[in-house]
Protein backbone atom coordinates (compact mmCIF):
# COMPACT_ATOMS: atom_id res chain seq x y z
CA MET A 1 25.51 -18.99 23.17
CA ARG A 2 22.57 -16.50 23.03
CA ALA A 3 25.00 -13.64 22.47
CA ARG A 4 26.65 -15.48 19.47
CA ALA A 5 23.02 -16.48 18.14
CA ARG A 6 22.05 -12.89 18.32
CA ARG A 7 24.78 -11.64 16.17
CA ALA A 8 24.67 -14.59 13.93
CA PHE A 9 20.77 -14.22 13.42
CA LEU A 10 20.42 -10.34 13.59
CA GLY A 11 19.72 -10.71 9.79
CA LEU A 12 16.35 -12.14 10.60
CA ALA A 13 15.19 -9.04 12.56
CA PRO A 14 13.00 -7.89 9.88
CA LEU A 15 10.85 -10.96 10.47
CA ALA A 16 11.12 -10.49 14.12
CA LEU A 17 9.10 -7.22 13.94
CA ILE A 18 6.09 -9.06 12.56
CA SER A 19 6.06 -12.01 14.76
CA CYS A 20 3.78 -12.38 17.83
CA ALA A 21 3.53 -14.68 20.83
CA LEU A 22 -0.07 -13.97 20.97
CA ALA A 23 -3.27 -16.23 20.62
CA ILE A 24 -4.90 -16.05 17.12
CA GLU A 25 -7.31 -13.42 16.80
CA PRO A 26 -10.47 -13.24 14.52
CA ALA A 27 -9.72 -12.17 10.95
CA ALA A 28 -11.13 -8.47 11.58
CA ILE A 29 -8.24 -5.98 12.31
CA THR A 30 -9.21 -3.79 15.16
CA PRO A 31 -9.34 -0.34 13.73
CA PHE A 32 -7.39 2.64 15.29
CA SER A 33 -10.36 4.88 14.66
CA SER A 34 -12.05 2.86 17.44
CA ALA A 35 -9.64 3.94 20.14
CA ALA A 36 -9.17 7.18 21.78
CA PRO A 37 -5.93 9.28 21.46
CA GLY A 38 -3.06 8.32 23.75
CA ALA A 39 -0.51 5.67 24.14
CA THR A 40 -2.73 2.61 24.54
CA LEU A 41 -3.21 0.67 21.39
CA PRO A 42 -6.47 -0.79 20.51
CA PRO A 43 -7.18 -4.66 21.53
CA GLY A 44 -5.13 -7.05 19.68
CA TRP A 45 -2.35 -4.68 18.59
CA SER A 46 1.13 -5.01 20.36
CA LEU A 47 4.50 -3.42 19.98
CA LEU A 48 7.24 -5.63 18.73
CA LEU A 49 10.72 -4.27 19.63
CA LEU A 50 14.12 -5.62 19.20
CA PRO A 51 16.64 -6.26 22.01
CA ARG A 52 19.06 -3.36 22.44
CA ARG A 53 17.55 -1.21 19.79
CA LYS A 54 16.07 2.24 20.30
CA ALA A 55 12.14 1.91 19.78
CA PRO A 56 10.03 4.35 17.81
CA GLU A 57 7.32 6.45 19.77
CA PHE A 58 3.91 4.97 18.92
CA THR A 59 0.92 7.35 19.72
CA LEU A 60 -2.63 7.27 18.87
CA VAL A 61 -3.64 10.99 17.86
CA ARG A 62 -6.72 12.76 16.22
CA ASP A 63 -5.79 13.65 12.61
CA GLU A 64 -8.80 15.31 10.53
CA GLY A 65 -11.34 14.26 13.30
CA VAL A 66 -10.40 10.53 13.10
CA THR A 67 -7.83 8.56 15.39
CA VAL A 68 -4.82 7.25 13.72
CA LEU A 69 -1.45 5.82 14.67
CA HIS A 70 1.39 8.14 14.70
CA VAL A 71 4.95 6.71 14.57
CA HIS A 72 7.93 8.96 15.28
CA SER A 73 11.17 7.04 14.66
CA GLN A 74 14.57 8.61 15.41
CA ALA A 75 17.44 6.21 14.89
CA ALA A 76 14.97 3.57 16.07
CA VAL A 77 13.27 0.39 14.85
CA GLY A 78 10.19 -1.32 15.81
CA SER A 79 6.61 -2.19 14.93
CA ALA A 80 2.90 -2.52 15.96
CA ALA A 81 1.56 -5.68 15.03
CA PHE A 82 -1.81 -7.44 14.96
CA ARG A 83 -1.99 -11.26 14.96
CA LEU A 84 -4.91 -12.92 13.16
CA GLU A 85 -6.04 -15.90 10.94
CA ALA A 86 -7.49 -15.02 7.52
CA ASP A 87 -8.26 -17.02 4.47
CA PRO A 88 -6.52 -15.05 1.63
CA ARG A 89 -9.07 -16.57 -1.00
CA ALA A 90 -11.73 -15.06 1.00
CA GLN A 91 -10.18 -12.01 2.44
CA GLY A 92 -7.22 -11.45 0.18
CA ARG A 93 -7.37 -7.64 -0.32
CA LEU A 94 -5.79 -5.33 2.07
CA THR A 95 -6.53 -1.61 2.48
CA TRP A 96 -5.21 1.24 4.56
CA ARG A 97 -4.12 4.69 4.34
CA TRP A 98 -0.80 6.25 5.32
CA LYS A 99 0.91 9.48 5.49
CA ILE A 100 4.88 10.64 5.95
CA ASP A 101 6.23 14.13 6.61
CA HIS A 102 9.28 13.19 4.31
CA PRO A 103 11.07 10.37 2.68
CA LEU A 104 14.48 9.32 4.33
CA ALA A 105 17.49 11.00 2.55
CA ALA A 106 20.04 8.41 3.22
CA ALA A 107 18.05 5.19 2.69
CA HIS A 108 19.05 2.75 -0.02
CA PHE A 109 16.51 -0.07 -1.14
CA GLY A 110 17.90 -3.50 -1.19
CA THR A 111 20.98 -2.97 0.87
CA LYS A 112 21.75 -3.68 4.54
CA GLN A 113 23.13 -0.46 5.34
CA GLY A 114 20.25 1.61 3.82
CA ASP A 115 17.33 -0.78 4.78
CA ASP A 116 15.11 2.08 6.41
CA PHE A 117 11.80 3.20 5.35
CA ALA A 118 9.69 6.20 6.33
CA ALA A 119 6.86 3.81 6.39
CA ARG A 120 6.29 0.06 6.09
CA VAL A 121 3.23 -2.30 6.17
CA TYR A 122 3.82 -5.95 6.43
CA VAL A 123 1.63 -9.05 5.99
CA SER A 124 2.89 -12.39 7.10
CA PHE A 125 1.65 -16.02 5.91
CA ASP A 126 1.65 -19.26 7.36
CA VAL A 127 4.04 -21.22 5.05
CA PRO A 128 4.57 -24.74 7.00
CA HIS A 129 7.88 -24.74 8.74
CA GLU A 130 8.57 -28.17 7.51
CA SER A 131 8.27 -27.15 4.04
CA LEU A 132 11.27 -24.79 4.02
CA PRO A 133 14.67 -25.75 2.96
CA PHE A 134 17.03 -27.16 5.65
CA SER A 135 19.00 -23.92 5.86
CA ALA A 136 16.01 -21.87 6.35
CA ARG A 137 14.43 -24.33 8.95
CA ALA A 138 17.75 -24.22 11.01
CA LYS A 139 17.84 -20.31 10.82
CA MET A 140 14.23 -20.04 12.18
CA THR A 141 14.85 -22.49 14.85
CA LEU A 142 18.04 -20.74 16.17
CA ALA A 143 16.44 -17.35 15.67
CA LYS A 144 13.75 -18.36 17.98
CA LEU A 145 16.35 -18.36 20.89
CA VAL A 146 17.14 -14.80 20.16
CA TYR A 147 13.71 -13.21 19.47
CA GLY A 148 11.82 -15.38 21.78
CA ALA A 149 8.89 -16.18 19.34
CA ASP A 150 8.31 -18.09 16.21
CA LEU A 151 9.21 -15.98 13.30
CA PRO A 152 6.75 -15.66 10.31
CA THR A 153 8.03 -18.08 7.36
CA ALA A 154 6.91 -15.70 4.57
CA ALA A 155 6.08 -12.02 4.43
CA ILE A 156 5.30 -9.22 2.01
CA CYS A 157 6.43 -5.72 3.17
CA TYR A 158 4.81 -2.79 1.40
CA VAL A 159 7.17 0.39 1.80
CA TRP A 160 7.33 3.97 1.23
CA ASP A 161 10.81 4.44 -0.39
CA ASN A 162 12.99 7.55 -1.32
CA HIS A 163 14.04 6.88 -4.78
CA GLN A 164 12.89 3.44 -6.21
CA PRO A 165 9.98 3.64 -8.63
CA VAL A 166 6.58 2.74 -7.65
CA GLY A 167 6.21 -1.20 -8.41
CA ALA A 168 9.67 -1.88 -7.73
CA SER A 169 10.31 -5.08 -5.71
CA ALA A 170 13.17 -7.08 -4.24
CA TRP A 171 13.93 -9.64 -1.40
CA ASN A 172 15.00 -8.12 1.64
CA PRO A 173 18.74 -7.87 1.99
CA TYR A 174 18.73 -9.92 5.05
CA THR A 175 16.20 -12.78 4.02
CA ASP A 176 14.63 -14.17 1.28
CA ARG A 177 11.58 -14.96 3.44
CA LEU A 178 10.54 -11.33 3.13
CA ARG A 179 9.76 -9.62 -0.12
CA MET A 180 9.63 -5.92 -0.36
CA VAL A 181 7.25 -3.99 -2.84
CA VAL A 182 7.52 -0.15 -3.47
CA LEU A 183 3.95 1.39 -3.26
CA GLU A 184 4.91 5.20 -2.79
CA SER A 185 8.23 6.86 -3.40
CA GLY A 186 9.79 10.16 -3.00
CA ASN A 187 8.44 13.49 -1.89
CA ALA A 188 5.62 14.05 -4.27
CA ARG A 189 2.84 12.89 -2.05
CA ALA A 190 4.68 13.50 1.44
CA GLY A 191 2.55 15.38 3.91
CA GLU A 192 -0.93 13.97 2.37
CA TRP A 193 -2.89 10.94 3.09
CA VAL A 194 -2.51 8.16 0.65
CA ALA A 195 -4.96 5.34 0.32
CA GLU A 196 -3.68 1.79 -0.74
CA SER A 197 -5.36 -1.38 -1.96
CA ARG A 198 -3.33 -4.62 -2.53
CA ASP A 199 -4.31 -7.97 -3.57
CA VAL A 200 -2.02 -9.74 -0.93
CA GLU A 201 -2.74 -13.27 -2.39
CA ALA A 202 -1.34 -12.16 -5.75
CA ASP A 203 1.49 -10.61 -4.07
CA PHE A 204 2.31 -13.74 -2.24
CA ARG A 205 1.98 -15.81 -5.39
CA GLY A 206 4.38 -13.42 -7.29
CA ALA A 207 6.99 -13.61 -4.46
CA PHE A 208 6.66 -17.16 -3.35
CA GLY A 209 4.87 -19.17 -6.07
CA SER A 210 7.96 -20.66 -7.62
CA SER A 211 8.52 -22.36 -4.18
CA TRP A 212 4.94 -22.85 -2.99
CA LYS A 213 2.60 -25.00 -5.07
CA GLY A 214 -0.48 -25.33 -2.64
CA PRO A 215 -3.39 -23.30 -1.84
CA THR A 216 -2.18 -19.68 -0.48
CA PRO A 217 -1.38 -20.06 3.06
CA ALA A 218 -3.44 -18.39 5.74
CA ILE A 219 -2.59 -14.69 6.46
CA THR A 220 -1.28 -14.78 10.08
CA GLY A 221 -0.66 -11.03 10.97
CA VAL A 222 -0.18 -7.24 9.76
CA ALA A 223 2.38 -4.72 11.21
CA VAL A 224 2.93 -1.23 10.68
CA SER A 225 6.49 0.39 11.12
CA SER A 226 8.82 3.19 10.39
CA ASP A 227 12.34 2.60 10.96
CA THR A 228 15.66 4.56 10.92
CA ASP A 229 18.03 2.50 12.84
CA GLN A 230 20.47 2.33 9.95
CA THR A 231 20.36 5.84 8.53
CA LEU A 232 19.96 7.27 12.08
CA GLU A 233 17.40 9.79 10.60
CA SER A 234 14.22 11.18 12.18
CA VAL A 235 10.82 10.90 10.40
CA ASN A 236 7.26 10.79 11.22
CA ALA A 237 4.51 8.42 9.77
CA TRP A 238 0.82 7.89 10.36
CA PHE A 239 -1.33 5.05 9.73
CA GLY A 240 -4.98 4.78 9.27
CA ASP A 241 -7.29 1.78 9.59
CA LEU A 242 -6.16 -1.71 7.93
CA ARG A 243 -9.02 -3.74 6.71
CA LEU A 244 -8.90 -7.17 4.95
CA GLU A 245 -11.50 -7.47 2.54
CA GLY A 246 -12.94 -9.82 -0.13
CA HIS A 247 -11.79 -9.63 -3.71
CA PRO A 248 -13.99 -7.42 -5.86
C-alpha cells in the first residue's frame, strides 16, 4: 500500500520539500550569517529530503566575509527549511539575497519533465485543511503516509529560471497548491549576488485569492532549494539570510 501511495502521490513532492515535523518556532528566521562555516545548519533549520532521491550537498561557507548557505545539486533534489509562525499582515515582506553559477540548460518552466531550477525559495501558508476541496484533502491525507508529515496546504515558490521572463508565474505542474513566480531568469546576473524583496501577502492573494476570502493565513515556513533531479544537471547556488519584515 505504501509503495502504491508513493507512486500515486509523488506529484506532491514539491510540497514535501517545505513540510516540517517540527515545533513552531518564533517568527524570526535564524540567519545563516550567525553560524560558523561547516555542515551544521543554524538552529531551527533542517534538511528535507525525498525518499529514494539523491540529496544536494548543503554547506555553510564564507563568501565575502559572511557565512552563507551553499547548495550543490547534481541530479539531486532536497531543501533546507525553517518552520515558523508569522502574521503576514505584520511581517508580510520577505527579503533575501541569492546567487547561482549558471542557469540550468534543459529545465522547462511549467512542465513535469523540466521542473528544475538553479535556485528556489518557498513560503508556505496555513490554509485550513478543511477548507480545501475534497479531492485535495484526500491527496494531502494519503500523501502523509508517503512523506511522514503534514504537507503545506498552500505555498509560493520564487525561482531563478533559465528562459521565462521575470514576473512570469504558473501553477506547479504537479500541484495547484504551489504557485511559482520567476524573479530572476537567464545568465545575465549569474555569478553575482542579487537581492530580492517580496510582498508575500500580496503574492498569496494573487495566487489563492479567488478561493480564499478570509484574512491571509499565517506564514508557516520558508525553504531554500536547488534541484536538478529531472534534468540531471549540476549547479551551485548560494543563499544569504532570509528575513520577514513589516510592510514599508
